[in-house]
N, C-alpha and C. Protein backbone atom coordinates (compact mmCIF):
# COMPACT_ATOMS: atom_id res chain seq x y z
N MET A 1 13.95 94.14 -24.63
CA MET A 1 13.81 95.37 -23.86
C MET A 1 12.92 96.38 -24.58
N ALA A 2 13.06 96.50 -25.89
CA ALA A 2 12.24 97.45 -26.64
C ALA A 2 10.77 97.10 -26.52
N ASP A 3 10.43 95.79 -26.54
CA ASP A 3 9.04 95.40 -26.39
C ASP A 3 8.49 95.80 -25.03
N ASN A 4 9.32 95.63 -23.98
CA ASN A 4 8.89 96.04 -22.65
C ASN A 4 8.68 97.54 -22.58
N ALA A 5 9.54 98.32 -23.23
CA ALA A 5 9.41 99.77 -23.22
C ALA A 5 8.13 100.20 -23.92
N VAL A 6 7.84 99.59 -25.04
CA VAL A 6 6.59 99.91 -25.74
C VAL A 6 5.41 99.54 -24.87
N SER A 7 5.45 98.39 -24.26
CA SER A 7 4.37 97.96 -23.40
C SER A 7 4.19 98.91 -22.22
N LEU A 8 5.29 99.33 -21.62
CA LEU A 8 5.21 100.26 -20.50
C LEU A 8 4.69 101.62 -20.97
N ASP A 9 5.13 102.07 -22.14
CA ASP A 9 4.62 103.32 -22.70
C ASP A 9 3.11 103.23 -22.91
N ASP A 10 2.65 102.12 -23.49
CA ASP A 10 1.21 101.93 -23.71
C ASP A 10 0.46 101.88 -22.38
N THR A 11 1.08 101.26 -21.39
CA THR A 11 0.45 101.15 -20.07
C THR A 11 0.20 102.53 -19.47
N PHE A 12 1.25 103.36 -19.47
CA PHE A 12 1.09 104.69 -18.87
C PHE A 12 0.25 105.62 -19.74
N LEU A 13 0.31 105.46 -21.05
CA LEU A 13 -0.57 106.23 -21.94
C LEU A 13 -2.03 105.93 -21.62
N ALA A 14 -2.33 104.67 -21.43
CA ALA A 14 -3.70 104.29 -21.12
C ALA A 14 -4.17 104.89 -19.80
N LEU A 15 -3.28 104.96 -18.83
CA LEU A 15 -3.64 105.51 -17.52
C LEU A 15 -3.66 107.03 -17.48
N ALA A 16 -3.13 107.67 -18.50
CA ALA A 16 -3.00 109.13 -18.50
C ALA A 16 -4.34 109.85 -18.68
N ASP A 17 -5.35 109.15 -19.11
CA ASP A 17 -6.63 109.80 -19.41
C ASP A 17 -7.67 109.49 -18.33
N PRO A 18 -8.37 110.51 -17.81
CA PRO A 18 -9.35 110.27 -16.74
C PRO A 18 -10.53 109.38 -17.19
N THR A 19 -10.92 109.46 -18.44
CA THR A 19 -11.99 108.59 -18.92
C THR A 19 -11.56 107.13 -18.85
N ARG A 20 -10.35 106.85 -19.27
CA ARG A 20 -9.87 105.47 -19.24
C ARG A 20 -9.69 104.98 -17.80
N ARG A 21 -9.24 105.85 -16.91
CA ARG A 21 -9.13 105.46 -15.50
C ARG A 21 -10.51 105.16 -14.92
N ALA A 22 -11.51 105.94 -15.31
CA ALA A 22 -12.88 105.71 -14.84
C ALA A 22 -13.41 104.38 -15.38
N ILE A 23 -13.08 104.06 -16.61
CA ILE A 23 -13.50 102.77 -17.19
C ILE A 23 -12.88 101.63 -16.38
N LEU A 24 -11.59 101.74 -16.07
CA LEU A 24 -10.93 100.69 -15.29
C LEU A 24 -11.56 100.58 -13.90
N SER A 25 -11.89 101.71 -13.29
CA SER A 25 -12.53 101.68 -11.97
C SER A 25 -13.86 100.94 -12.04
N ARG A 26 -14.64 101.25 -13.08
CA ARG A 26 -15.92 100.55 -13.24
C ARG A 26 -15.72 99.06 -13.46
N LEU A 27 -14.75 98.69 -14.30
CA LEU A 27 -14.51 97.28 -14.58
C LEU A 27 -13.94 96.54 -13.37
N GLY A 28 -13.41 97.27 -12.40
CA GLY A 28 -12.98 96.66 -11.16
C GLY A 28 -14.13 96.03 -10.39
N GLN A 29 -15.35 96.46 -10.70
CA GLN A 29 -16.55 95.90 -10.07
C GLN A 29 -17.05 94.66 -10.80
N GLY A 30 -16.50 94.41 -11.99
CA GLY A 30 -16.91 93.25 -12.77
C GLY A 30 -17.09 93.63 -14.23
N PRO A 31 -17.20 92.62 -15.10
CA PRO A 31 -17.36 92.87 -16.53
C PRO A 31 -18.60 93.71 -16.83
N ALA A 32 -18.55 94.43 -17.95
CA ALA A 32 -19.68 95.27 -18.35
C ALA A 32 -19.71 95.38 -19.87
N SER A 33 -20.90 95.61 -20.38
CA SER A 33 -21.05 95.81 -21.83
C SER A 33 -20.53 97.19 -22.19
N VAL A 34 -20.23 97.37 -23.46
CA VAL A 34 -19.78 98.68 -23.94
C VAL A 34 -20.84 99.73 -23.64
N GLY A 35 -22.09 99.40 -23.84
CA GLY A 35 -23.18 100.34 -23.55
C GLY A 35 -23.21 100.77 -22.10
N GLU A 36 -23.02 99.81 -21.20
CA GLU A 36 -23.00 100.12 -19.77
C GLU A 36 -21.80 101.01 -19.43
N LEU A 37 -20.67 100.71 -20.03
CA LEU A 37 -19.47 101.51 -19.77
C LEU A 37 -19.59 102.92 -20.32
N ALA A 38 -20.21 103.06 -21.48
CA ALA A 38 -20.31 104.36 -22.15
C ALA A 38 -21.37 105.26 -21.53
N ALA A 39 -22.37 104.69 -20.88
CA ALA A 39 -23.52 105.46 -20.39
C ALA A 39 -23.16 106.70 -19.57
N PRO A 40 -22.21 106.66 -18.64
CA PRO A 40 -21.93 107.85 -17.82
C PRO A 40 -21.19 108.97 -18.55
N PHE A 41 -20.73 108.72 -19.76
CA PHE A 41 -19.89 109.70 -20.45
C PHE A 41 -20.66 110.43 -21.54
N ASP A 42 -20.44 111.72 -21.61
CA ASP A 42 -21.10 112.57 -22.60
C ASP A 42 -20.20 112.67 -23.83
N MET A 43 -20.17 111.59 -24.62
CA MET A 43 -19.37 111.59 -25.84
C MET A 43 -20.00 110.59 -26.81
N ALA A 44 -19.67 110.77 -28.06
CA ALA A 44 -20.16 109.87 -29.09
C ALA A 44 -19.57 108.47 -28.85
N LEU A 45 -20.32 107.46 -29.24
CA LEU A 45 -19.86 106.09 -29.05
C LEU A 45 -18.55 105.82 -29.79
N THR A 46 -18.37 106.41 -30.95
CA THR A 46 -17.11 106.21 -31.68
C THR A 46 -15.93 106.76 -30.90
N SER A 47 -16.11 107.89 -30.24
CA SER A 47 -15.04 108.46 -29.40
C SER A 47 -14.78 107.56 -28.19
N PHE A 48 -15.84 107.05 -27.61
CA PHE A 48 -15.69 106.17 -26.46
C PHE A 48 -14.96 104.88 -26.84
N MET A 49 -15.27 104.36 -28.01
CA MET A 49 -14.63 103.14 -28.48
C MET A 49 -13.12 103.32 -28.64
N LYS A 50 -12.69 104.53 -28.98
CA LYS A 50 -11.25 104.79 -29.08
C LYS A 50 -10.57 104.59 -27.73
N HIS A 51 -11.25 104.99 -26.66
CA HIS A 51 -10.71 104.78 -25.31
C HIS A 51 -10.59 103.28 -25.02
N LEU A 52 -11.60 102.53 -25.39
CA LEU A 52 -11.54 101.08 -25.16
C LEU A 52 -10.42 100.43 -25.96
N LYS A 53 -10.20 100.91 -27.18
CA LYS A 53 -9.12 100.36 -28.00
C LYS A 53 -7.75 100.63 -27.37
N VAL A 54 -7.57 101.82 -26.81
CA VAL A 54 -6.30 102.15 -26.13
C VAL A 54 -6.10 101.20 -24.95
N LEU A 55 -7.15 101.00 -24.16
CA LEU A 55 -7.05 100.11 -23.00
C LEU A 55 -6.78 98.67 -23.42
N GLU A 56 -7.42 98.24 -24.49
CA GLU A 56 -7.23 96.86 -24.95
C GLU A 56 -5.83 96.67 -25.54
N ARG A 57 -5.37 97.64 -26.31
CA ARG A 57 -4.03 97.56 -26.90
C ARG A 57 -2.95 97.52 -25.81
N ALA A 58 -3.18 98.23 -24.72
CA ALA A 58 -2.22 98.26 -23.61
C ALA A 58 -2.36 97.06 -22.69
N GLY A 59 -3.34 96.22 -22.94
CA GLY A 59 -3.51 95.01 -22.14
C GLY A 59 -4.28 95.21 -20.85
N TRP A 60 -4.93 96.36 -20.68
CA TRP A 60 -5.70 96.63 -19.46
C TRP A 60 -7.05 95.95 -19.46
N ILE A 61 -7.62 95.74 -20.65
CA ILE A 61 -8.93 95.10 -20.73
C ILE A 61 -8.94 94.05 -21.84
N THR A 62 -9.90 93.15 -21.73
CA THR A 62 -10.21 92.22 -22.81
C THR A 62 -11.66 92.46 -23.18
N SER A 63 -12.02 92.07 -24.38
CA SER A 63 -13.42 92.18 -24.77
C SER A 63 -13.82 90.95 -25.58
N ALA A 64 -15.08 90.63 -25.49
CA ALA A 64 -15.63 89.49 -26.23
C ALA A 64 -17.02 89.87 -26.71
N LYS A 65 -17.34 89.41 -27.90
CA LYS A 65 -18.63 89.75 -28.48
C LYS A 65 -19.53 88.52 -28.45
N SER A 66 -20.74 88.71 -27.98
CA SER A 66 -21.75 87.66 -27.96
C SER A 66 -22.99 88.24 -28.62
N GLY A 67 -23.25 87.81 -29.85
CA GLY A 67 -24.35 88.41 -30.60
C GLY A 67 -24.00 89.84 -30.93
N ARG A 68 -24.85 90.76 -30.49
CA ARG A 68 -24.61 92.18 -30.75
C ARG A 68 -23.99 92.90 -29.57
N VAL A 69 -23.70 92.18 -28.51
CA VAL A 69 -23.20 92.80 -27.28
C VAL A 69 -21.72 92.49 -27.09
N ARG A 70 -20.93 93.55 -26.94
CA ARG A 70 -19.50 93.40 -26.63
C ARG A 70 -19.33 93.67 -25.14
N THR A 71 -18.73 92.71 -24.44
CA THR A 71 -18.50 92.82 -23.01
C THR A 71 -17.01 92.96 -22.74
N CYS A 72 -16.68 93.86 -21.83
CA CYS A 72 -15.28 94.11 -21.47
C CYS A 72 -15.03 93.65 -20.05
N ALA A 73 -13.78 93.24 -19.81
CA ALA A 73 -13.35 92.83 -18.47
C ALA A 73 -11.94 93.38 -18.24
N ILE A 74 -11.63 93.65 -16.99
CA ILE A 74 -10.32 94.19 -16.63
C ILE A 74 -9.28 93.06 -16.56
N VAL A 75 -8.04 93.40 -16.86
CA VAL A 75 -6.91 92.47 -16.74
C VAL A 75 -6.07 92.99 -15.58
N THR A 76 -6.17 92.36 -14.45
CA THR A 76 -5.54 92.88 -13.24
C THR A 76 -4.02 92.75 -13.24
N ASP A 77 -3.46 91.90 -14.11
CA ASP A 77 -2.00 91.75 -14.17
C ASP A 77 -1.29 93.07 -14.49
N ARG A 78 -1.94 93.96 -15.20
CA ARG A 78 -1.32 95.22 -15.59
C ARG A 78 -0.97 96.06 -14.36
N PHE A 79 -1.76 95.94 -13.29
CA PHE A 79 -1.45 96.69 -12.07
C PHE A 79 -0.11 96.23 -11.50
N ALA A 80 0.17 94.94 -11.59
CA ALA A 80 1.45 94.42 -11.10
C ALA A 80 2.60 94.99 -11.91
N ASP A 81 2.40 95.15 -13.23
CA ASP A 81 3.44 95.73 -14.08
C ASP A 81 3.77 97.16 -13.65
N VAL A 82 2.73 97.94 -13.38
CA VAL A 82 2.94 99.32 -12.95
C VAL A 82 3.63 99.33 -11.58
N GLY A 83 3.14 98.49 -10.69
CA GLY A 83 3.73 98.40 -9.36
C GLY A 83 5.20 98.01 -9.41
N ALA A 84 5.54 97.07 -10.27
CA ALA A 84 6.94 96.63 -10.40
C ALA A 84 7.81 97.77 -10.92
N TRP A 85 7.30 98.53 -11.88
CA TRP A 85 8.10 99.65 -12.40
C TRP A 85 8.32 100.70 -11.32
N VAL A 86 7.25 101.06 -10.61
CA VAL A 86 7.38 102.06 -9.54
C VAL A 86 8.34 101.55 -8.47
N TYR A 87 8.20 100.31 -8.08
CA TYR A 87 9.07 99.73 -7.06
C TYR A 87 10.53 99.76 -7.50
N SER A 88 10.78 99.44 -8.75
CA SER A 88 12.16 99.42 -9.23
C SER A 88 12.78 100.81 -9.31
N HIS A 89 11.95 101.85 -9.28
CA HIS A 89 12.45 103.22 -9.35
C HIS A 89 12.25 103.98 -8.03
N ARG A 90 11.98 103.24 -6.97
CA ARG A 90 11.68 103.90 -5.69
C ARG A 90 12.83 104.73 -5.16
N ALA A 91 14.05 104.40 -5.53
CA ALA A 91 15.22 105.17 -5.06
C ALA A 91 15.16 106.62 -5.54
N LEU A 92 14.42 106.87 -6.60
CA LEU A 92 14.29 108.24 -7.12
C LEU A 92 13.47 109.14 -6.22
N PHE A 93 12.56 108.55 -5.47
CA PHE A 93 11.66 109.40 -4.67
C PHE A 93 11.72 109.12 -3.18
N GLU A 94 12.53 108.18 -2.76
CA GLU A 94 12.70 107.95 -1.31
C GLU A 94 13.85 108.81 -0.78
N PRO A 95 13.70 109.33 0.43
CA PRO A 95 14.77 110.16 0.99
C PRO A 95 16.02 109.37 1.31
């Protein structure tokens, strides 16, 4: 149970930031390089990489390096985890 709680905490922490949500939205269109993902954001690459690490630690994305290019892809199973948690707590918000 503790592992699930940590995982759920990481899941919602990752979703709490608009930059990370935007990254997930972009990755919903398909895999992208770190450079492609970072381009729309006005921040240093090191700061952007911290966002990717949060998403990867929470299981929202995977990344692979080929030569000098790191490519990220979304892990859609995480959406099911969030949906299951919301569904299991629906009695809290249904009339």
